[in-house]
N, C-alpha and C. Protein backbone atom coordinates (compact mmCIF):
# COMPACT_ATOMS: atom_id res chain seq x y z
N MET A 1 0.84 -1.18 0.00
CA MET A 1 0.00 0.00 0.00
C MET A 1 0.89 1.24 0.00
N ARG A 2 0.67 2.14 -0.96
CA ARG A 2 1.47 3.35 -1.07
C ARG A 2 0.92 4.44 -0.18
N ALA A 3 1.83 5.18 0.42
CA ALA A 3 1.41 6.32 1.23
C ALA A 3 0.94 7.43 0.29
N ALA A 4 -0.06 8.16 0.73
CA ALA A 4 -0.56 9.28 -0.08
C ALA A 4 0.51 10.35 -0.19
N ARG A 5 0.67 10.85 -1.40
CA ARG A 5 1.65 11.92 -1.60
C ARG A 5 1.09 13.22 -1.05
N PRO A 6 1.96 14.02 -0.41
CA PRO A 6 1.47 15.32 0.06
C PRO A 6 1.05 16.18 -1.14
N ARG A 7 0.02 16.96 -0.92
CA ARG A 7 -0.45 17.83 -2.00
C ARG A 7 0.48 19.01 -2.18
N ARG A 8 0.59 19.45 -3.42
CA ARG A 8 1.44 20.61 -3.72
C ARG A 8 0.86 21.86 -3.06
N ALA A 9 1.76 22.79 -2.76
CA ALA A 9 1.36 24.04 -2.09
C ALA A 9 0.34 24.80 -2.94
N ASP A 10 0.52 24.83 -4.26
CA ASP A 10 -0.42 25.57 -5.11
C ASP A 10 -1.79 24.89 -5.11
N ALA A 11 -1.83 23.57 -5.03
CA ALA A 11 -3.11 22.86 -4.96
C ALA A 11 -3.83 23.19 -3.66
N ARG A 12 -3.08 23.26 -2.56
CA ARG A 12 -3.68 23.62 -1.27
C ARG A 12 -4.20 25.06 -1.31
N ARG A 13 -3.43 25.97 -1.91
CA ARG A 13 -3.87 27.37 -2.03
C ARG A 13 -5.13 27.47 -2.87
N ASN A 14 -5.17 26.74 -3.99
CA ASN A 14 -6.35 26.77 -4.87
C ASN A 14 -7.59 26.27 -4.14
N GLU A 15 -7.42 25.18 -3.38
CA GLU A 15 -8.56 24.67 -2.63
C GLU A 15 -9.02 25.67 -1.58
N LYS A 16 -8.08 26.31 -0.89
CA LYS A 16 -8.42 27.32 0.11
C LYS A 16 -9.19 28.47 -0.55
N THR A 17 -8.75 28.90 -1.72
CA THR A 17 -9.44 29.97 -2.44
C THR A 17 -10.87 29.56 -2.77
N LEU A 18 -11.05 28.32 -3.23
CA LEU A 18 -12.40 27.82 -3.54
C LEU A 18 -13.27 27.77 -2.29
N LEU A 19 -12.71 27.30 -1.18
CA LEU A 19 -13.48 27.17 0.05
C LEU A 19 -13.84 28.54 0.62
N ASP A 20 -12.91 29.48 0.56
CA ASP A 20 -13.20 30.85 1.02
C ASP A 20 -14.31 31.47 0.17
N ALA A 21 -14.23 31.27 -1.15
CA ALA A 21 -15.25 31.81 -2.04
C ALA A 21 -16.60 31.17 -1.76
N ALA A 22 -16.63 29.85 -1.60
CA ALA A 22 -17.89 29.16 -1.32
C ALA A 22 -18.49 29.64 0.00
N ALA A 23 -17.65 29.81 1.03
CA ALA A 23 -18.16 30.29 2.31
C ALA A 23 -18.76 31.68 2.17
N ALA A 24 -18.09 32.56 1.43
CA ALA A 24 -18.61 33.92 1.23
C ALA A 24 -19.95 33.89 0.50
N ILE A 25 -20.06 33.07 -0.53
CA ILE A 25 -21.31 32.97 -1.27
C ILE A 25 -22.40 32.34 -0.41
N PHE A 26 -22.05 31.33 0.37
CA PHE A 26 -23.04 30.69 1.25
C PHE A 26 -23.62 31.70 2.24
N VAL A 27 -22.79 32.61 2.75
CA VAL A 27 -23.27 33.61 3.70
C VAL A 27 -24.26 34.55 3.02
N THR A 28 -23.96 34.99 1.81
CA THR A 28 -24.82 35.96 1.15
C THR A 28 -26.00 35.34 0.42
N SER A 29 -25.82 34.13 -0.13
CA SER A 29 -26.86 33.54 -0.98
C SER A 29 -27.38 32.19 -0.52
N GLY A 30 -26.82 31.65 0.54
CA GLY A 30 -27.25 30.34 1.03
C GLY A 30 -26.48 29.21 0.37
N VAL A 31 -26.60 28.02 0.96
CA VAL A 31 -25.83 26.88 0.49
C VAL A 31 -26.33 26.31 -0.83
N GLU A 32 -27.49 26.74 -1.27
CA GLU A 32 -28.02 26.29 -2.56
C GLU A 32 -27.62 27.24 -3.70
N ALA A 33 -26.73 28.19 -3.41
CA ALA A 33 -26.29 29.14 -4.45
C ALA A 33 -25.71 28.39 -5.64
N PRO A 34 -25.89 28.94 -6.84
CA PRO A 34 -25.35 28.28 -8.03
C PRO A 34 -23.81 28.16 -7.97
N VAL A 35 -23.31 27.03 -8.44
CA VAL A 35 -21.87 26.79 -8.46
C VAL A 35 -21.17 27.86 -9.31
N ARG A 36 -21.84 28.36 -10.34
CA ARG A 36 -21.21 29.40 -11.18
C ARG A 36 -20.92 30.67 -10.36
N ASP A 37 -21.76 30.96 -9.35
CA ASP A 37 -21.50 32.13 -8.49
C ASP A 37 -20.25 31.91 -7.65
N ILE A 38 -20.09 30.69 -7.15
CA ILE A 38 -18.89 30.36 -6.36
C ILE A 38 -17.66 30.42 -7.26
N ALA A 39 -17.77 29.88 -8.46
CA ALA A 39 -16.66 29.90 -9.41
C ALA A 39 -16.26 31.33 -9.74
N ALA A 40 -17.24 32.19 -9.96
CA ALA A 40 -16.94 33.60 -10.27
C ALA A 40 -16.24 34.27 -9.10
N GLU A 41 -16.71 34.01 -7.89
CA GLU A 41 -16.09 34.59 -6.69
C GLU A 41 -14.64 34.12 -6.55
N ALA A 42 -14.39 32.86 -6.90
CA ALA A 42 -13.04 32.29 -6.77
C ALA A 42 -12.16 32.63 -7.97
N GLY A 43 -12.78 33.10 -9.05
CA GLY A 43 -12.01 33.41 -10.25
C GLY A 43 -11.59 32.17 -11.02
N VAL A 44 -12.44 31.14 -11.00
CA VAL A 44 -12.15 29.89 -11.71
C VAL A 44 -13.38 29.46 -12.49
N GLY A 45 -13.23 28.42 -13.30
CA GLY A 45 -14.37 27.85 -14.01
C GLY A 45 -15.10 26.86 -13.13
N THR A 46 -16.34 26.56 -13.49
CA THR A 46 -17.12 25.61 -12.69
C THR A 46 -16.48 24.21 -12.72
N ALA A 47 -15.83 23.87 -13.82
CA ALA A 47 -15.18 22.55 -13.90
C ALA A 47 -14.12 22.39 -12.81
N THR A 48 -13.45 23.48 -12.47
CA THR A 48 -12.43 23.43 -11.41
C THR A 48 -13.08 23.07 -10.08
N ILE A 49 -14.23 23.64 -9.81
CA ILE A 49 -14.92 23.33 -8.56
C ILE A 49 -15.33 21.86 -8.55
N TYR A 50 -15.90 21.39 -9.66
CA TYR A 50 -16.34 19.99 -9.70
C TYR A 50 -15.16 19.02 -9.65
N ARG A 51 -14.01 19.43 -10.14
CA ARG A 51 -12.82 18.58 -10.06
C ARG A 51 -12.41 18.40 -8.59
N HIS A 52 -12.50 19.47 -7.81
CA HIS A 52 -12.15 19.40 -6.39
C HIS A 52 -13.28 18.79 -5.55
N PHE A 53 -14.52 19.13 -5.90
CA PHE A 53 -15.69 18.73 -5.10
C PHE A 53 -16.77 18.21 -6.06
N PRO A 54 -16.79 16.90 -6.31
CA PRO A 54 -17.71 16.34 -7.30
C PRO A 54 -19.19 16.59 -7.01
N THR A 55 -19.56 16.71 -5.73
CA THR A 55 -20.97 16.95 -5.39
C THR A 55 -21.09 18.19 -4.50
N ARG A 56 -22.28 18.72 -4.44
CA ARG A 56 -22.54 19.86 -3.57
C ARG A 56 -22.29 19.48 -2.11
N ALA A 57 -22.66 18.27 -1.74
CA ALA A 57 -22.42 17.81 -0.37
C ALA A 57 -20.92 17.80 -0.06
N ASP A 58 -20.10 17.38 -1.02
CA ASP A 58 -18.64 17.40 -0.82
C ASP A 58 -18.16 18.82 -0.55
N LEU A 59 -18.69 19.76 -1.31
CA LEU A 59 -18.30 21.16 -1.15
C LEU A 59 -18.77 21.69 0.22
N ILE A 60 -19.99 21.40 0.58
CA ILE A 60 -20.54 21.89 1.84
C ILE A 60 -19.73 21.35 3.02
N ILE A 61 -19.44 20.06 3.00
CA ILE A 61 -18.65 19.45 4.08
C ILE A 61 -17.26 20.05 4.13
N ALA A 62 -16.66 20.27 2.98
CA ALA A 62 -15.31 20.86 2.93
C ALA A 62 -15.32 22.29 3.47
N VAL A 63 -16.34 23.08 3.15
CA VAL A 63 -16.45 24.44 3.66
C VAL A 63 -16.58 24.41 5.19
N TYR A 64 -17.42 23.53 5.68
CA TYR A 64 -17.62 23.41 7.12
C TYR A 64 -16.29 23.08 7.82
N ARG A 65 -15.58 22.08 7.32
CA ARG A 65 -14.30 21.68 7.92
C ARG A 65 -13.27 22.81 7.82
N HIS A 66 -13.24 23.47 6.69
CA HIS A 66 -12.31 24.59 6.47
C HIS A 66 -12.56 25.70 7.48
N GLN A 67 -13.81 26.02 7.71
CA GLN A 67 -14.13 27.08 8.65
C GLN A 67 -13.85 26.67 10.10
N VAL A 68 -14.09 25.42 10.42
CA VAL A 68 -13.75 24.93 11.76
C VAL A 68 -12.25 25.06 11.97
N GLU A 69 -11.46 24.64 10.99
CA GLU A 69 -10.00 24.72 11.10
C GLU A 69 -9.53 26.17 11.26
N ALA A 70 -10.10 27.06 10.47
CA ALA A 70 -9.70 28.47 10.55
C ALA A 70 -10.01 29.03 11.94
N CYS A 71 -11.16 28.68 12.48
CA CYS A 71 -11.54 29.15 13.81
C CYS A 71 -10.64 28.54 14.88
N ALA A 72 -10.33 27.27 14.74
CA ALA A 72 -9.46 26.60 15.71
C ALA A 72 -8.05 27.20 15.69
N GLU A 73 -7.53 27.46 14.51
CA GLU A 73 -6.18 28.01 14.38
C GLU A 73 -6.10 29.45 14.86
N ALA A 74 -7.20 30.17 14.79
CA ALA A 74 -7.20 31.58 15.19
C ALA A 74 -7.05 31.76 16.69
N GLY A 75 -7.54 30.83 17.49
CA GLY A 75 -7.49 30.98 18.95
C GLY A 75 -6.10 31.20 19.50
N PRO A 76 -5.17 30.27 19.27
CA PRO A 76 -3.81 30.46 19.78
C PRO A 76 -3.12 31.69 19.19
N ALA A 77 -3.39 31.97 17.92
CA ALA A 77 -2.78 33.15 17.29
C ALA A 77 -3.28 34.43 17.95
N LEU A 78 -4.56 34.51 18.24
CA LEU A 78 -5.12 35.68 18.91
C LEU A 78 -4.58 35.81 20.33
N LEU A 79 -4.45 34.69 21.01
CA LEU A 79 -3.92 34.71 22.37
C LEU A 79 -2.50 35.25 22.38
N ALA A 80 -1.72 34.90 21.38
CA ALA A 80 -0.33 35.36 21.29
C ALA A 80 -0.21 36.82 20.87
N SER A 81 -1.19 37.32 20.10
CA SER A 81 -1.04 38.66 19.53
C SER A 81 -1.92 39.73 20.16
N SER A 82 -2.88 39.36 20.98
CA SER A 82 -3.80 40.35 21.56
C SER A 82 -3.21 41.00 22.81
N ALA A 83 -3.73 42.17 23.12
CA ALA A 83 -3.24 42.92 24.28
C ALA A 83 -3.48 42.17 25.58
N THR A 84 -4.63 41.47 25.68
CA THR A 84 -4.95 40.71 26.89
C THR A 84 -5.64 39.41 26.49
N PRO A 85 -5.66 38.43 27.37
CA PRO A 85 -6.41 37.20 27.07
C PRO A 85 -7.90 37.45 26.85
N TYR A 86 -8.48 38.39 27.61
CA TYR A 86 -9.89 38.70 27.42
C TYR A 86 -10.14 39.28 26.02
N ALA A 87 -9.24 40.14 25.57
CA ALA A 87 -9.36 40.70 24.21
C ALA A 87 -9.28 39.58 23.17
N ALA A 88 -8.39 38.62 23.39
CA ALA A 88 -8.28 37.47 22.48
C ALA A 88 -9.57 36.67 22.48
N LEU A 89 -10.14 36.45 23.67
CA LEU A 89 -11.39 35.71 23.78
C LEU A 89 -12.51 36.42 23.03
N ARG A 90 -12.63 37.72 23.22
CA ARG A 90 -13.68 38.49 22.53
C ARG A 90 -13.52 38.40 21.02
N GLN A 91 -12.29 38.56 20.53
CA GLN A 91 -12.05 38.48 19.09
C GLN A 91 -12.38 37.08 18.56
N TRP A 92 -11.99 36.06 19.31
CA TRP A 92 -12.25 34.70 18.87
C TRP A 92 -13.75 34.41 18.85
N ILE A 93 -14.47 34.88 19.85
CA ILE A 93 -15.92 34.69 19.86
C ILE A 93 -16.56 35.38 18.65
N ASN A 94 -16.05 36.55 18.27
CA ASN A 94 -16.56 37.21 17.06
C ASN A 94 -16.33 36.35 15.82
N LEU A 95 -15.16 35.72 15.72
CA LEU A 95 -14.90 34.80 14.61
C LEU A 95 -15.84 33.60 14.66
N PHE A 96 -16.09 33.11 15.85
CA PHE A 96 -17.00 31.99 16.03
C PHE A 96 -18.42 32.38 15.58
N VAL A 97 -18.85 33.58 15.91
CA VAL A 97 -20.16 34.06 15.46
C VAL A 97 -20.20 34.12 13.94
N ASP A 98 -19.14 34.63 13.32
CA ASP A 98 -19.09 34.65 11.85
C ASP A 98 -19.22 33.24 11.28
N PHE A 99 -18.53 32.30 11.90
CA PHE A 99 -18.62 30.90 11.48
C PHE A 99 -20.04 30.38 11.61
N LEU A 100 -20.71 30.71 12.71
CA LEU A 100 -22.05 30.20 12.94
C LEU A 100 -23.05 30.69 11.90
N VAL A 101 -22.84 31.86 11.36
CA VAL A 101 -23.74 32.38 10.33
C VAL A 101 -23.78 31.39 9.17
N THR A 102 -22.62 30.92 8.76
CA THR A 102 -22.56 29.94 7.68
C THR A 102 -22.97 28.57 8.17
N LYS A 103 -22.59 28.22 9.38
CA LYS A 103 -22.86 26.88 9.91
C LYS A 103 -24.35 26.57 9.93
N HIS A 104 -25.17 27.53 10.28
CA HIS A 104 -26.60 27.25 10.33
C HIS A 104 -27.14 26.86 8.96
N GLY A 105 -26.71 27.53 7.93
CA GLY A 105 -27.13 27.15 6.59
C GLY A 105 -26.62 25.77 6.22
N LEU A 106 -25.40 25.46 6.62
CA LEU A 106 -24.83 24.15 6.32
C LEU A 106 -25.55 23.06 7.10
N ALA A 107 -25.85 23.33 8.34
CA ALA A 107 -26.50 22.33 9.18
C ALA A 107 -27.84 21.92 8.59
N ALA A 108 -28.61 22.86 8.08
CA ALA A 108 -29.92 22.54 7.52
C ALA A 108 -29.79 21.56 6.36
N VAL A 109 -28.79 21.74 5.53
CA VAL A 109 -28.59 20.85 4.39
C VAL A 109 -28.06 19.50 4.85
N LEU A 110 -27.14 19.50 5.79
CA LEU A 110 -26.49 18.27 6.21
C LEU A 110 -27.37 17.39 7.09
N GLN A 111 -28.44 17.93 7.66
CA GLN A 111 -29.27 17.12 8.54
C GLN A 111 -29.97 16.00 7.79
N SER A 112 -30.03 16.07 6.47
CA SER A 112 -30.62 14.98 5.71
C SER A 112 -29.75 13.72 5.81
N ASP A 113 -28.48 13.88 6.10
CA ASP A 113 -27.56 12.76 6.31
C ASP A 113 -27.11 12.80 7.76
N SER A 114 -27.93 12.25 8.67
CA SER A 114 -27.67 12.41 10.09
C SER A 114 -26.32 11.85 10.51
N ALA A 115 -25.85 10.77 9.91
CA ALA A 115 -24.53 10.22 10.27
C ALA A 115 -23.43 11.20 9.89
N GLY A 116 -23.53 11.76 8.70
CA GLY A 116 -22.53 12.74 8.25
C GLY A 116 -22.55 13.99 9.12
N PHE A 117 -23.73 14.44 9.47
CA PHE A 117 -23.83 15.62 10.32
C PHE A 117 -23.28 15.33 11.70
N GLY A 118 -23.58 14.17 12.24
CA GLY A 118 -23.05 13.78 13.54
C GLY A 118 -21.53 13.76 13.55
N ASN A 119 -20.94 13.23 12.48
CA ASN A 119 -19.48 13.22 12.38
C ASN A 119 -18.93 14.63 12.34
N LEU A 120 -19.58 15.51 11.59
CA LEU A 120 -19.10 16.90 11.51
C LEU A 120 -19.28 17.62 12.84
N HIS A 121 -20.36 17.34 13.52
CA HIS A 121 -20.58 17.99 14.82
C HIS A 121 -19.51 17.53 15.82
N ALA A 122 -19.19 16.26 15.81
CA ALA A 122 -18.13 15.74 16.70
C ALA A 122 -16.79 16.39 16.34
N TYR A 123 -16.52 16.55 15.06
CA TYR A 123 -15.29 17.20 14.60
C TYR A 123 -15.24 18.65 15.10
N PHE A 124 -16.37 19.34 14.98
CA PHE A 124 -16.52 20.71 15.44
C PHE A 124 -16.18 20.81 16.93
N LEU A 125 -16.75 19.94 17.73
CA LEU A 125 -16.49 19.96 19.17
C LEU A 125 -15.04 19.60 19.49
N ASP A 126 -14.52 18.58 18.82
CA ASP A 126 -13.13 18.15 19.06
C ASP A 126 -12.13 19.26 18.77
N ARG A 127 -12.40 20.07 17.76
CA ARG A 127 -11.46 21.12 17.37
C ARG A 127 -11.67 22.42 18.15
N LEU A 128 -12.91 22.79 18.44
CA LEU A 128 -13.17 24.11 19.01
C LEU A 128 -13.27 24.15 20.53
N LEU A 129 -13.70 23.08 21.17
CA LEU A 129 -13.77 23.09 22.63
C LEU A 129 -12.41 23.33 23.29
N PRO A 130 -11.35 22.65 22.85
CA PRO A 130 -10.04 22.91 23.49
C PRO A 130 -9.56 24.35 23.29
N VAL A 131 -9.85 24.92 22.15
CA VAL A 131 -9.42 26.30 21.88
C VAL A 131 -10.17 27.26 22.79
N CYS A 132 -11.48 27.07 22.89
CA CYS A 132 -12.28 27.93 23.77
C CYS A 132 -11.85 27.76 25.22
N THR A 133 -11.56 26.53 25.62
CA THR A 133 -11.09 26.27 26.98
C THR A 133 -9.77 26.99 27.24
N GLN A 134 -8.87 26.93 26.29
CA GLN A 134 -7.57 27.62 26.43
C GLN A 134 -7.76 29.12 26.61
N LEU A 135 -8.65 29.70 25.81
CA LEU A 135 -8.90 31.14 25.91
C LEU A 135 -9.57 31.50 27.24
N LEU A 136 -10.55 30.72 27.65
CA LEU A 136 -11.21 30.97 28.94
C LEU A 136 -10.22 30.84 30.10
N ASP A 137 -9.41 29.80 30.07
CA ASP A 137 -8.43 29.60 31.14
C ASP A 137 -7.43 30.75 31.21
N ALA A 138 -6.96 31.21 30.05
CA ALA A 138 -5.99 32.31 30.04
C ALA A 138 -6.61 33.59 30.58
N ALA A 139 -7.86 33.87 30.19
CA ALA A 139 -8.53 35.08 30.68
C ALA A 139 -8.84 34.97 32.17
N ALA A 140 -9.17 33.77 32.64
CA ALA A 140 -9.42 33.58 34.08
C ALA A 140 -8.11 33.69 34.86
N ASP A 141 -7.04 33.09 34.34
CA ASP A 141 -5.74 33.16 35.02
C ASP A 141 -5.22 34.59 35.13
N SER A 142 -5.59 35.42 34.15
CA SER A 142 -5.16 36.82 34.19
C SER A 142 -6.05 37.66 35.11
N GLY A 143 -7.13 37.07 35.62
CA GLY A 143 -8.03 37.78 36.52
C GLY A 143 -9.07 38.62 35.80
N GLU A 144 -9.16 38.50 34.48
CA GLU A 144 -10.09 39.33 33.71
C GLU A 144 -11.53 38.81 33.74
N ILE A 145 -11.68 37.49 33.84
CA ILE A 145 -13.02 36.91 33.87
C ILE A 145 -13.14 35.96 35.06
N ARG A 146 -14.34 35.57 35.35
CA ARG A 146 -14.59 34.61 36.43
C ARG A 146 -13.89 33.31 36.08
N SER A 147 -13.53 32.55 37.08
CA SER A 147 -12.93 31.23 36.84
C SER A 147 -14.02 30.17 36.82
N GLY A 148 -13.65 29.01 36.33
CA GLY A 148 -14.57 27.88 36.33
C GLY A 148 -15.63 27.90 35.26
N LEU A 149 -15.44 28.70 34.21
CA LEU A 149 -16.43 28.74 33.14
C LEU A 149 -16.24 27.54 32.22
N ASP A 150 -17.33 27.02 31.74
CA ASP A 150 -17.32 25.83 30.89
C ASP A 150 -17.38 26.22 29.42
N ALA A 151 -16.40 25.78 28.65
CA ALA A 151 -16.32 26.14 27.23
C ALA A 151 -17.54 25.63 26.46
N TYR A 152 -17.97 24.42 26.74
CA TYR A 152 -19.14 23.88 26.04
C TYR A 152 -20.37 24.75 26.28
N ALA A 153 -20.60 25.12 27.52
CA ALA A 153 -21.76 25.96 27.85
C ALA A 153 -21.67 27.31 27.15
N LEU A 154 -20.47 27.89 27.09
CA LEU A 154 -20.30 29.17 26.42
C LEU A 154 -20.57 29.04 24.92
N LEU A 155 -19.96 28.05 24.28
CA LEU A 155 -20.19 27.87 22.84
C LEU A 155 -21.65 27.59 22.55
N ARG A 156 -22.28 26.80 23.40
CA ARG A 156 -23.70 26.50 23.22
C ARG A 156 -24.54 27.76 23.38
N GLY A 157 -24.21 28.59 24.39
CA GLY A 157 -24.93 29.84 24.60
C GLY A 157 -24.78 30.79 23.42
N VAL A 158 -23.56 30.92 22.93
CA VAL A 158 -23.32 31.79 21.76
C VAL A 158 -24.11 31.25 20.57
N GLY A 159 -24.06 29.93 20.37
CA GLY A 159 -24.80 29.33 19.27
C GLY A 159 -26.29 29.58 19.37
N ASN A 160 -26.83 29.44 20.57
CA ASN A 160 -28.26 29.68 20.75
C ASN A 160 -28.63 31.13 20.50
N LEU A 161 -27.75 32.06 20.85
CA LEU A 161 -28.03 33.47 20.58
C LEU A 161 -28.01 33.78 19.09
N CYS A 162 -27.28 32.98 18.33
CA CYS A 162 -27.18 33.22 16.89
C CYS A 162 -28.34 32.62 16.10
N ILE A 163 -29.08 31.70 16.71
CA ILE A 163 -30.21 31.09 16.01
C ILE A 163 -31.27 32.16 15.78
N GLY A 164 -31.76 32.22 14.58
CA GLY A 164 -32.80 33.18 14.25
C GLY A 164 -32.30 34.49 13.71
N ALA A 165 -30.99 34.70 13.75
CA ALA A 165 -30.45 35.97 13.27
C ALA A 165 -30.71 36.15 11.78
N ASP A 166 -30.77 35.05 11.04
CA ASP A 166 -30.97 35.15 9.59
C ASP A 166 -32.44 35.31 9.21
N SER A 167 -33.35 35.04 10.13
CA SER A 167 -34.77 35.11 9.79
C SER A 167 -35.47 36.38 10.28
N ASP A 168 -34.79 37.19 11.07
CA ASP A 168 -35.40 38.42 11.60
C ASP A 168 -34.37 39.55 11.51
N PRO A 169 -34.56 40.47 10.59
CA PRO A 169 -33.56 41.55 10.41
C PRO A 169 -33.42 42.46 11.63
N ARG A 170 -34.40 42.46 12.53
CA ARG A 170 -34.31 43.29 13.74
C ARG A 170 -33.53 42.62 14.86
N TYR A 171 -33.28 41.32 14.73
CA TYR A 171 -32.59 40.56 15.75
C TYR A 171 -31.08 40.75 15.59
N ASP A 172 -30.43 41.25 16.62
CA ASP A 172 -28.99 41.54 16.56
C ASP A 172 -28.23 40.55 17.44
N ALA A 173 -27.94 39.40 16.87
CA ALA A 173 -27.25 38.35 17.61
C ALA A 173 -25.89 38.81 18.09
N ARG A 174 -25.18 39.55 17.25
CA ARG A 174 -23.83 40.00 17.62
C ARG A 174 -23.88 40.86 18.89
N ARG A 175 -24.87 41.72 19.01
CA ARG A 175 -25.01 42.58 20.20
C ARG A 175 -25.30 41.73 21.44
N LEU A 176 -26.15 40.73 21.29
CA LEU A 176 -26.45 39.86 22.42
C LEU A 176 -25.22 39.04 22.84
N VAL A 177 -24.44 38.59 21.86
CA VAL A 177 -23.22 37.85 22.18
C VAL A 177 -22.23 38.77 22.90
N GLU A 178 -22.14 40.03 22.47
CA GLU A 178 -21.27 41.00 23.17
C GLU A 178 -21.68 41.15 24.63
N LEU A 179 -22.98 41.19 24.89
CA LEU A 179 -23.47 41.29 26.27
C LEU A 179 -23.10 40.04 27.07
N LEU A 180 -23.22 38.88 26.44
CA LEU A 180 -22.86 37.63 27.10
C LEU A 180 -21.38 37.63 27.47
N ILE A 181 -20.52 38.02 26.55
CA ILE A 181 -19.08 38.03 26.79
C ILE A 181 -18.72 39.08 27.84
N ALA A 182 -19.38 40.22 27.80
CA ALA A 182 -19.14 41.25 28.83
C ALA A 182 -19.53 40.71 30.22
N GLY A 183 -20.55 39.84 30.26
CA GLY A 183 -21.00 39.27 31.52
C GLY A 183 -20.02 38.26 32.11
N LEU A 184 -19.02 37.85 31.36
CA LEU A 184 -18.00 36.95 31.88
C LEU A 184 -16.99 37.66 32.77
N ARG A 185 -16.97 38.99 32.63
CA ARG A 185 -15.95 39.79 33.38
C ARG A 185 -16.11 39.57 34.87
N ARG A 186 -15.00 39.59 35.52
CA ARG A 186 -14.97 39.45 36.99
C ARG A 186 -15.51 40.75 37.60
N PRO A 187 -16.42 40.66 38.58
CA PRO A 187 -16.93 41.87 39.22
C PRO A 187 -15.80 42.62 39.92
N ARG A 188 -15.86 43.91 39.87
CA ARG A 188 -14.80 44.73 40.50
C ARG A 188 -15.26 45.28 41.80
């Protein structure tokens, strides 16, 4: 059995460009947006998209995984570059909210394949819970927020605040999430 060859850097960049374009189109037009719109956003032909992702489900799953990875990788980077751990946590939660906007559209499509959705949800938790825990622990250790906060409960709360944001233009999920994050602060 031959080991899989590593993909070329340009192939990885091209796939990232396609996934970023698909995510952007999914946010503005939904996951049922025409492939030609995604191709135009990425600056490629539709055949290129089908070569990478033979089915819409393949593309949707790849976008979901790509966004989970980007969110997971952002946590440690923000912790290293932000003025305080609390600032890093706030920035990361904003990225998580951005991810959830697309995730809700993806979840609706993926629920038709409950096994596939379950696998993606487990992947989501495996990648993002440790990052959120790291950020919460750092902010608590610095004395900026209360200690003993549960990452799962926080992510679940943020997710619940984001539900319905796409169906009611008066509903400001981002503002409610800001209030939730402000409520983590340690009383003075």
